[in-house]
C-alpha atoms as a PDB file:
ATOM      1  CA  UNK A   1      20.337 -89.651 -82.107  1.00  0.00           C
ATOM      2  CA  UNK A   2      19.098 -88.610 -85.210  1.00  0.00           C
ATOM      3  CA  UNK A   3      17.825 -85.339 -84.448  1.00  0.00           C
ATOM      4  CA  UNK A   4      21.877 -84.256 -82.455  1.00  0.00           C
ATOM      5  CA  UNK A   5      23.011 -85.203 -86.235  1.00  0.00           C
ATOM      6  CA  UNK A   6      21.645 -82.218 -87.570  1.00  0.00           C
ATOM      7  CA  UNK A   7      23.637 -79.697 -85.735  1.00  0.00           C
ATOM      8  CA  UNK A   8      25.115 -77.277 -88.657  1.00  0.00           C
ATOM      9  CA  UNK A   9      24.093 -79.511 -91.568  1.00  0.00           C
ATOM     10  CA  UNK A  10      22.238 -77.754 -94.419  1.00  0.00           C
ATOM     11  CA  UNK A  11      18.704 -78.023 -94.327  1.00  0.00           C
ATOM     12  CA  UNK A  12      16.747 -77.198 -97.599  1.00  0.00           C
ATOM     13  CA  UNK A  13      12.594 -77.197 -97.296  1.00  0.00           C
ATOM     14  CA  UNK A  14      10.111 -76.049 -99.773  1.00  0.00           C
ATOM     15  CA  UNK A  15       6.707 -75.281 -99.159  1.00  0.00           C
ATOM     16  CA  UNK A  16       8.160 -73.531 -95.727  1.00  0.00           C
ATOM     17  CA  UNK A  17       6.203 -70.658 -94.811  1.00  0.00           C
ATOM     18  CA  UNK A  18       3.169 -72.396 -93.658  1.00  0.00           C
ATOM     19  CA  UNK A  19       1.653 -76.151 -91.982  1.00  0.00           C
ATOM     20  CA  UNK A  20       4.395 -78.912 -91.954  1.00  0.00           C
ATOM     21  CA  UNK A  21       6.926 -77.354 -94.221  1.00  0.00           C
ATOM     22  CA  UNK A  22       7.245 -74.170 -90.776  1.00  0.00           C
ATOM     23  CA  UNK A  23       7.328 -76.968 -88.262  1.00  0.00           C
ATOM     24  CA  UNK A  24       9.819 -78.969 -89.734  1.00  0.00           C
ATOM     25  CA  UNK A  25      11.740 -75.848 -89.719  1.00  0.00           C
ATOM     26  CA  UNK A  26      11.119 -74.773 -86.232  1.00  0.00           C
ATOM     27  CA  UNK A  27      12.584 -79.089 -85.161  1.00  0.00           C
ATOM     28  CA  UNK A  28      15.335 -78.180 -87.469  1.00  0.00           C
ATOM     29  CA  UNK A  29      16.629 -75.479 -85.987  1.00  0.00           C
ATOM     30  CA  UNK A  30      16.308 -75.937 -82.235  1.00  0.00           C
ATOM     31  CA  UNK A  31      18.416 -78.664 -83.574  1.00  0.00           C
ATOM     32  CA  UNK A  32      21.218 -76.942 -84.443  1.00  0.00           C
ATOM     33  CA  UNK A  33      20.762 -77.325 -88.643  1.00  0.00           C
ATOM     34  CA  UNK A  34      20.617 -73.976 -90.335  1.00  0.00           C
ATOM     35  CA  UNK A  35      18.386 -73.895 -93.108  1.00  0.00           C
ATOM     36  CA  UNK A  36      17.175 -72.236 -96.532  1.00  0.00           C
ATOM     37  CA  UNK A  37      13.353 -71.924 -96.915  1.00  0.00           C
ATOM     38  CA  UNK A  38      11.461 -72.207 -99.936  1.00  0.00           C
ATOM     39  CA  UNK A  39       7.757 -70.711-100.490  1.00  0.00           C
ATOM     40  CA  UNK A  40       6.138 -68.450-103.282  1.00  0.00           C
ATOM     41  CA  UNK A  41       5.340 -66.162 -99.736  1.00  0.00           C
ATOM     42  CA  UNK A  42       8.222 -64.489 -99.283  1.00  0.00           C
ATOM     43  CA  UNK A  43       6.489 -62.245 -96.534  1.00  0.00           C
ATOM     44  CA  UNK A  44       5.692 -65.639 -94.074  1.00  0.00           C
ATOM     45  CA  UNK A  45       9.623 -67.094 -94.888  1.00  0.00           C
ATOM     46  CA  UNK A  46      11.097 -63.402 -93.674  1.00  0.00           C
ATOM     47  CA  UNK A  47       8.783 -63.308 -90.379  1.00  0.00           C
ATOM     48  CA  UNK A  48       9.502 -67.574 -89.784  1.00  0.00           C
ATOM     49  CA  UNK A  49      13.703 -66.437 -90.316  1.00  0.00           C
ATOM     50  CA  UNK A  50      13.491 -63.452 -87.818  1.00  0.00           C
ATOM     51  CA  UNK A  51      11.889 -66.370 -84.846  1.00  0.00           C
ATOM     52  CA  UNK A  52      13.991 -69.210 -85.725  1.00  0.00           C
ATOM     53  CA  UNK A  53      17.163 -66.977 -85.830  1.00  0.00           C
ATOM     54  CA  UNK A  54      15.964 -65.199 -82.425  1.00  0.00           C
ATOM     55  CA  UNK A  55      15.369 -68.671 -80.636  1.00  0.00           C
ATOM     56  CA  UNK A  56      18.026 -70.835 -82.068  1.00  0.00           C
ATOM     57  CA  UNK A  57      21.691 -69.966 -82.597  1.00  0.00           C
ATOM     58  CA  UNK A  58      21.325 -71.093 -86.541  1.00  0.00           C
ATOM     59  CA  UNK A  59      21.588 -69.542 -89.787  1.00  0.00           C
ATOM     60  CA  UNK A  60      18.329 -69.179 -91.943  1.00  0.00           C
ATOM     61  CA  UNK A  61      17.638 -68.244 -95.621  1.00  0.00           C
ATOM     62  CA  UNK A  62      15.015 -67.466 -97.764  1.00  0.00           C
ATOM     63  CA  UNK A  63      14.468 -67.482-101.194  1.00  0.00           C
ATOM     64  CA  UNK A  64      10.977 -66.995-102.754  1.00  0.00           C
ATOM     65  CA  UNK A  65      10.157 -69.976-105.242  1.00  0.00           C
ATOM     66  CA  UNK A  66       7.383 -71.156-106.997  1.00  0.00           C
ATOM     67  CA  UNK A  67       8.266 -74.763-107.689  1.00  0.00           C
ATOM     68  CA  UNK A  68       6.277 -75.053-111.044  1.00  0.00           C
ATOM     69  CA  UNK A  69       8.863 -72.909-112.267  1.00  0.00           C
ATOM     70  CA  UNK A  70      11.325 -74.553-113.525  1.00  0.00           C
ATOM     71  CA  UNK A  71      13.732 -72.250-114.716  1.00  0.00           C
ATOM     72  CA  UNK A  72      13.264 -70.107-111.046  1.00  0.00           C
ATOM     73  CA  UNK A  73      13.922 -73.287-109.733  1.00  0.00           C
ATOM     74  CA  UNK A  74      17.445 -73.432-111.652  1.00  0.00           C
ATOM     75  CA  UNK A  75      18.366 -69.664-110.443  1.00  0.00           C
ATOM     76  CA  UNK A  76      17.274 -70.119-106.702  1.00  0.00           C
ATOM     77  CA  UNK A  77      19.676 -73.665-106.096  1.00  0.00           C
ATOM     78  CA  UNK A  78      22.532 -71.826-108.014  1.00  0.00           C
ATOM     79  CA  UNK A  79      22.071 -68.928-105.609  1.00  0.00           C
ATOM     80  CA  UNK A  80      21.979 -71.759-102.239  1.00  0.00           C
ATOM     81  CA  UNK A  81      24.947 -73.384-104.234  1.00  0.00           C
ATOM     82  CA  UNK A  82      26.644 -70.379-104.171  1.00  0.00           C
ATOM     83  CA  UNK A  83      26.216 -69.257-100.609  1.00  0.00           C
ATOM     84  CA  UNK A  84      26.569 -72.765 -99.225  1.00  0.00           C
ATOM     85  CA  UNK A  85      28.641 -75.359-101.062  1.00  0.00           C
ATOM     86  CA  UNK A  86      26.592 -78.612-100.027  1.00  0.00           C
ATOM     87  CA  UNK A  87      23.420 -79.533 -99.205  1.00  0.00           C
ATOM     88  CA  UNK A  88      22.634 -82.030 -97.144  1.00  0.00           C
ATOM     89  CA  UNK A  89      18.923 -82.869 -96.722  1.00  0.00           C
ATOM     90  CA  UNK A  90      16.246 -81.899 -99.313  1.00  0.00           C
ATOM     91  CA  UNK A  91      12.358 -81.903 -97.689  1.00  0.00           C
ATOM     92  CA  UNK A  92      10.420 -82.049-101.088  1.00  0.00           C
ATOM     93  CA  UNK A  93       7.366 -80.371 -98.863  1.00  0.00           C
ATOM     94  CA  UNK A  94       5.978 -77.828-101.680  1.00  0.00           C
ATOM     95  CA  UNK A  95       2.126 -79.087-102.965  1.00  0.00           C
ATOM     96  CA  UNK A  96      -1.402 -78.924-103.056  1.00  0.00           C
ATOM     97  CA  UNK A  97      -4.376 -80.627-103.809  1.00  0.00           C
ATOM     98  CA  UNK A  98      -8.276 -79.924-105.455  1.00  0.00           C
ATOM     99  CA  UNK A  99     -10.778 -82.392-104.446  1.00  0.00           C
ATOM    100  CA  UNK A 100     -12.709 -82.971-107.587  1.00  0.00           C
ATOM    101  CA  UNK A 101     -14.562 -85.620-109.775  1.00  0.00           C
ATOM    102  CA  UNK A 102     -12.131 -86.674-112.653  1.00  0.00           C
ATOM    103  CA  UNK A 103     -14.552 -84.611-115.447  1.00  0.00           C
ATOM    104  CA  UNK A 104     -15.185 -82.022-113.184  1.00  0.00           C
ATOM    105  CA  UNK A 105     -11.489 -80.903-113.028  1.00  0.00           C
ATOM    106  CA  UNK A 106     -10.198 -78.171-115.533  1.00  0.00           C
ATOM    107  CA  UNK A 107      -7.087 -78.900-117.831  1.00  0.00           C
ATOM    108  CA  UNK A 108      -5.466 -75.878-115.554  1.00  0.00           C
ATOM    109  CA  UNK A 109      -5.929 -77.589-112.289  1.00  0.00           C
ATOM    110  CA  UNK A 110      -4.650 -80.649-113.979  1.00  0.00           C
ATOM    111  CA  UNK A 111      -1.535 -79.024-115.023  1.00  0.00           C
ATOM    112  CA  UNK A 112      -1.348 -76.696-111.912  1.00  0.00           C
ATOM    113  CA  UNK A 113      -0.837 -80.267-109.448  1.00  0.00           C
ATOM    114  CA  UNK A 114       1.301 -82.046-111.300  1.00  0.00           C
ATOM    115  CA  UNK A 115       3.031 -78.900-112.144  1.00  0.00           C
ATOM    116  CA  UNK A 116       3.833 -78.252-108.482  1.00  0.00           C
ATOM    117  CA  UNK A 117       3.728 -81.815-106.964  1.00  0.00           C
ATOM    118  CA  UNK A 118       5.701 -84.107-109.714  1.00  0.00           C
ATOM    119  CA  UNK A 119       7.698 -82.150-111.806  1.00  0.00           C
ATOM    120  CA  UNK A 120       8.425 -79.137-109.152  1.00  0.00           C
ATOM    121  CA  UNK A 121       9.623 -81.717-106.862  1.00  0.00           C
ATOM    122  CA  UNK A 122      11.915 -83.416-109.495  1.00  0.00           C
ATOM    123  CA  UNK A 123      13.372 -80.461-110.635  1.00  0.00           C
ATOM    124  CA  UNK A 124      14.546 -79.352-107.437  1.00  0.00           C
ATOM    125  CA  UNK A 125      15.564 -83.045-106.615  1.00  0.00           C
ATOM    126  CA  UNK A 126      17.617 -82.874-109.578  1.00  0.00           C
ATOM    127  CA  UNK A 127      19.482 -79.932-109.098  1.00  0.00           C
ATOM    128  CA  UNK A 128      21.092 -81.570-105.285  1.00  0.00           C
ATOM    129  CA  UNK A 129      21.742 -84.804-107.049  1.00  0.00           C
ATOM    130  CA  UNK A 130      24.767 -84.182-108.415  1.00  0.00           C
ATOM    131  CA  UNK A 131      26.374 -83.066-105.400  1.00  0.00           C
ATOM    132  CA  UNK A 132      24.982 -85.214-103.553  1.00  0.00           C
ATOM    133  CA  UNK A 133      25.978 -87.923-105.797  1.00  0.00           C
ATOM    134  CA  UNK A 134      30.181 -86.348-105.699  1.00  0.00           C
ATOM    135  CA  UNK A 135      29.819 -86.605-101.683  1.00  0.00           C
ATOM    136  CA  UNK A 136      28.053 -89.524-101.368  1.00  0.00           C
ATOM    137  CA  UNK A 137      26.122 -88.227 -99.012  1.00  0.00           C
ATOM    138  CA  UNK A 138      22.348 -86.696 -98.442  1.00  0.00           C
ATOM    139  CA  UNK A 139      18.993 -87.440 -97.724  1.00  0.00           C
ATOM    140  CA  UNK A 140      16.173 -86.515-100.098  1.00  0.00           C
ATOM    141  CA  UNK A 141      12.337 -86.714 -97.966  1.00  0.00           C
ATOM    142  CA  UNK A 142       9.520 -86.577-100.451  1.00  0.00           C
ATOM    143  CA  UNK A 143       6.431 -85.571 -98.941  1.00  0.00           C
ATOM    144  CA  UNK A 144       3.840 -87.781-100.400  1.00  0.00           C
ATOM    145  CA  UNK A 145       0.249 -88.816 -99.399  1.00  0.00           C
ATOM    146  CA  UNK A 146      -1.931 -92.175 -98.180  1.00  0.00           C
ATOM    147  CA  UNK A 147      -3.433 -90.152-101.928  1.00  0.00           C
ATOM    148  CA  UNK A 148      -0.854 -91.935-103.440  1.00  0.00           C
ATOM    149  CA  UNK A 149      -1.690 -95.064-102.108  1.00  0.00           C
ATOM    150  CA  UNK A 150      -5.127 -95.491-101.704  1.00  0.00           C
ATOM    151  CA  UNK A 151      -7.242 -94.053-104.889  1.00  0.00           C
ATOM    152  CA  UNK A 152     -10.285 -91.738-103.472  1.00  0.00           C
ATOM    153  CA  UNK A 153     -13.323 -90.666-105.338  1.00  0.00           C
ATOM    154  CA  UNK A 154     -13.101 -87.061-105.789  1.00  0.00           C
ATOM    155  CA  UNK A 155      -9.180 -87.059-105.914  1.00  0.00           C
ATOM    156  CA  UNK A 156      -8.259 -88.766-109.130  1.00  0.00           C
ATOM    157  CA  UNK A 157      -5.752 -85.742-110.140  1.00  0.00           C
ATOM    158  CA  UNK A 158      -4.446 -85.289-106.858  1.00  0.00           C
ATOM    159  CA  UNK A 159      -3.727 -89.264-106.044  1.00  0.00           C
ATOM    160  CA  UNK A 160      -1.646 -89.378-109.209  1.00  0.00           C
ATOM    161  CA  UNK A 161      -0.379 -86.882-108.457  1.00  0.00           C
ATOM    162  CA  UNK A 162       1.498 -88.601-105.163  1.00  0.00           C
ATOM    163  CA  UNK A 163       1.217 -91.961-107.224  1.00  0.00           C
ATOM    164  CA  UNK A 164       3.735 -90.005-109.578  1.00  0.00           C
ATOM    165  CA  UNK A 165       6.030 -88.684-106.369  1.00  0.00           C
ATOM    166  CA  UNK A 166       5.903 -92.796-104.441  1.00  0.00           C
ATOM    167  CA  UNK A 167       6.716 -94.253-107.984  1.00  0.00           C
ATOM    168  CA  UNK A 168       9.826 -91.574-108.903  1.00  0.00           C
ATOM    169  CA  UNK A 169      11.261 -91.741-105.169  1.00  0.00           C
ATOM    170  CA  UNK A 170      11.279 -95.894-104.759  1.00  0.00           C
ATOM    171  CA  UNK A 171      13.218 -95.748-108.546  1.00  0.00           C
ATOM    172  CA  UNK A 172      15.292 -93.080-106.976  1.00  0.00           C
ATOM    173  CA  UNK A 173      15.680 -94.725-103.998  1.00  0.00           C
ATOM    174  CA  UNK A 174      17.708 -98.100-106.277  1.00  0.00           C
ATOM    175  CA  UNK A 175      19.056 -95.360-108.158  1.00  0.00           C
ATOM    176  CA  UNK A 176      21.217 -94.038-105.294  1.00  0.00           C
ATOM    177  CA  UNK A 177      21.638 -97.249-102.569  1.00  0.00           C
ATOM    178  CA  UNK A 178      25.301 -97.312-103.590  1.00  0.00           C
ATOM    179  CA  UNK A 179      25.483 -93.206-102.956  1.00  0.00           C
ATOM    180  CA  UNK A 180      24.604 -93.130 -99.405  1.00  0.00           C
ATOM    181  CA  UNK A 181      21.880 -91.259-100.153  1.00  0.00           C
ATOM    182  CA  UNK A 182      18.595 -92.247 -98.539  1.00  0.00           C
ATOM    183  CA  UNK A 183      15.376 -91.665 -99.927  1.00  0.00           C
ATOM    184  CA  UNK A 184      12.606 -91.250 -97.806  1.00  0.00           C
ATOM    185  CA  UNK A 185       8.422 -90.882 -98.769  1.00  0.00           C
ATOM    186  CA  UNK A 186       6.101 -88.842 -96.046  1.00  0.00           C
ATOM    187  CA  UNK A 187       2.556 -90.754 -96.596  1.00  0.00           C
ATOM    188  CA  UNK A 188       0.564 -88.915 -94.217  1.00  0.00           C
ATOM    189  CA  UNK A 189      -3.267 -88.832 -94.186  1.00  0.00           C
ATOM    190  CA  UNK A 190      -5.517 -85.571 -93.655  1.00  0.00           C
ATOM    191  CA  UNK A 191      -3.610 -82.940 -91.646  1.00  0.00           C
ATOM    192  CA  UNK A 192      -5.009 -80.143 -89.831  1.00  0.00           C
ATOM    193  CA  UNK A 193      -3.385 -77.121 -92.159  1.00  0.00           C
ATOM    194  CA  UNK A 194      -4.734 -74.478 -94.982  1.00  0.00           C
ATOM    195  CA  UNK A 195      -4.375 -77.309 -97.460  1.00  0.00           C
ATOM    196  CA  UNK A 196      -8.185 -77.959 -97.336  1.00  0.00           C
ATOM    197  CA  UNK A 197      -8.289 -73.967 -97.634  1.00  0.00           C
ATOM    198  CA  UNK A 198      -8.335 -74.732-101.451  1.00  0.00           C
ATOM    199  CA  UNK A 199      -8.701 -78.552-102.060  1.00  0.00           C
ATOM    200  CA  UNK A 200     -12.027 -78.753-100.254  1.00  0.00           C
ATOM    201  CA  UNK A 201     -13.542 -75.536-100.656  1.00  0.00           C
ATOM    202  CA  UNK A 202     -17.201 -76.745 -99.497  1.00  0.00           C
ATOM    203  CA  UNK A 203     -15.488 -77.939 -96.058  1.00  0.00           C
ATOM    204  CA  UNK A 204     -17.394 -81.522 -96.253  1.00  0.00           C
ATOM    205  CA  UNK A 205     -14.639 -83.086 -96.101  1.00  0.00           C
ATOM    206  CA  UNK A 206     -12.728 -81.584 -94.035  1.00  0.00           C
ATOM    207  CA  UNK A 207     -16.740 -82.060 -91.610  1.00  0.00           C
ATOM    208  CA  UNK A 208     -16.267 -85.503 -92.118  1.00  0.00           C
ATOM    209  CA  UNK A 209     -12.635 -86.299 -91.453  1.00  0.00           C
ATOM    210  CA  UNK A 210     -12.284 -83.900 -88.334  1.00  0.00           C
ATOM    211  CA  UNK A 211     -11.589 -86.794 -86.005  1.00  0.00           C
ATOM    212  CA  UNK A 212      -9.113 -88.346 -88.017  1.00  0.00           C
ATOM    213  CA  UNK A 213      -6.992 -85.057 -89.055  1.00  0.00           C
ATOM    214  CA  UNK A 214      -3.333 -85.664 -87.643  1.00  0.00           C
ATOM    215  CA  UNK A 215      -1.394 -82.264 -86.131  1.00  0.00           C
ATOM    216  CA  UNK A 216       1.267 -80.991 -88.196  1.00  0.00           C
ATOM    217  CA  UNK A 217       3.703 -80.855 -85.309  1.00  0.00           C
ATOM    218  CA  UNK A 218       3.116 -84.365 -84.658  1.00  0.00           C
ATOM    219  CA  UNK A 219       3.892 -85.002 -88.418  1.00  0.00           C
ATOM    220  CA  UNK A 220       6.432 -82.477 -88.362  1.00  0.00           C
ATOM    221  CA  UNK A 221       8.269 -84.478 -85.597  1.00  0.00           C
ATOM    222  CA  UNK A 222       8.283 -87.880 -86.759  1.00  0.00           C
ATOM    223  CA  UNK A 223      10.058 -86.415 -90.155  1.00  0.00           C
ATOM    224  CA  UNK A 224      12.978 -84.810 -88.526  1.00  0.00           C
ATOM    225  CA  UNK A 225      12.777 -88.265 -86.379  1.00  0.00           C
ATOM    226  CA  UNK A 226      13.885 -89.677 -89.768  1.00  0.00           C
ATOM    227  CA  UNK A 227      16.013 -87.267 -90.721  1.00  0.00           C
ATOM    228  CA  UNK A 228      19.951 -88.844 -91.340  1.00  0.00           C
ATOM    229  CA  UNK A 229      18.225 -92.075 -90.852  1.00  0.00           C
ATOM    230  CA  UNK A 230      17.890 -95.027 -93.431  1.00  0.00           C
ATOM    231  CA  UNK A 231      13.693 -94.960 -92.718  1.00  0.00           C
ATOM    232  CA  UNK A 232      12.259 -95.750 -96.397  1.00  0.00           C
ATOM    233  CA  UNK A 233       8.828 -94.726 -95.286  1.00  0.00           C
ATOM    234  CA  UNK A 234       6.860 -93.189 -93.029  1.00  0.00           C
ATOM    235  CA  UNK A 235       3.024 -93.846 -93.049  1.00  0.00           C
ATOM    236  CA  UNK A 236       0.704 -91.740 -90.595  1.00  0.00           C
ATOM    237  CA  UNK A 237      -1.493 -92.823 -89.122  1.00  0.00           C
ATOM    238  CA  UNK A 238      -0.322 -96.459 -88.759  1.00  0.00           C
ATOM    239  CA  UNK A 239      -3.958 -97.847 -89.101  1.00  0.00           C
ATOM    240  CA  UNK A 240      -4.671 -95.863 -92.124  1.00  0.00           C
ATOM    241  CA  UNK A 241      -1.490 -97.672 -94.035  1.00  0.00           C
ATOM    242  CA  UNK A 242      -3.636-100.679 -92.948  1.00  0.00           C
ATOM    243  CA  UNK A 243      -6.068 -99.635 -95.945  1.00  0.00           C
ATOM    244  CA  UNK A 244      -3.154 -99.748 -98.727  1.00  0.00           C
ATOM    245  CA  UNK A 245      -2.574-103.478 -97.490  1.00  0.00           C
ATOM    246  CA  UNK A 246      -6.115-104.538 -98.231  1.00  0.00           C
ATOM    247  CA  UNK A 247      -6.293-102.608-101.298  1.00  0.00           C
ATOM    248  CA  UNK A 248      -3.204-104.590-102.711  1.00  0.00           C
ATOM    249  CA  UNK A 249      -4.438-107.911-101.412  1.00  0.00           C
ATOM    250  CA  UNK A 250      -8.198-107.428-102.068  1.00  0.00           C
ATOM    251  CA  UNK A 251      -8.742-104.799-104.637  1.00  0.00           C
ATOM    252  CA  UNK A 252     -12.052-105.350-105.428  1.00  0.00           C
ATOM    253  CA  UNK A 253     -13.412-105.464-102.576  1.00  0.00           C
ATOM    254  CA  UNK A 254     -11.713-102.730-100.928  1.00  0.00           C
ATOM    255  CA  UNK A 255     -13.020-100.356-103.963  1.00  0.00           C
ATOM    256  CA  UNK A 256     -16.490-101.413-103.544  1.00  0.00           C
ATOM    257  CA  UNK A 257     -16.596-100.803 -99.972  1.00  0.00           C
ATOM    258  CA  UNK A 258     -14.280 -97.893-100.089  1.00  0.00           C
ATOM    259  CA  UNK A 259     -16.146 -95.831-102.429  1.00  0.00           C
ATOM    260  CA  UNK A 260     -19.116 -95.374 -99.577  1.00  0.00           C
ATOM    261  CA  UNK A 261     -16.258 -94.755 -96.963  1.00  0.00           C
ATOM    262  CA  UNK A 262     -13.910 -92.309 -98.546  1.00  0.00           C
ATOM    263  CA  UNK A 263     -16.174 -90.154-101.088  1.00  0.00           C
ATOM    264  CA  UNK A 264     -17.275 -88.731 -98.641  1.00  0.00           C
ATOM    265  CA  UNK A 265     -15.625 -85.456 -99.704  1.00  0.00           C
END
């Protein structure tokens, strides 16, 4: 049902040049949605645009955007609104992480993760909210992480950014509840994408969790199936989300055991 509702809707996706962003774009195009794809790699976006427009009778527009540059965010979204009157769905997918212990993380790395994962997400959201509120229609999909629910060793900064995304999303959902605007958070575990090229330079974490890794196509399907529905959260895999429940109920025990189990980065 949700896939049929996407026909001729306008969907904006940040971080769309690869990984789950590109897979979401492919599924949305196959469902007849018109797309606006944003990322730093404009050449990859152009290739994806050509592929999608060739395979489907949809419109695909692409823009270079570094979401950490809030001035550029304002400029690009103004161009989008000059081109299309309404944005029906915003997928805040852009983000990155670096796995280091807190004392090893540089100030530049800390600022960089917050500027992309948190401030960039908020900046993009703030650009679409006025018109969504005016129309009383729309959906914000924020890609968070299981790390936003369960902090683990060597991901203190990354976990902090995703905790912030969840806090922002939960407050935003209440603010928009009277405006028929849905806010959906996506909390995946590790996904087999190039995210770990930066996050896990040594390859240790990937080696330890490879058998548990989610495929980007699977995650994208779950996200697209939630579009224009009242889905509050998507937690993948489901068994991993049980850990966040255990953490809330038994924090000391979880931290004691989890330090050994989750610190393999």
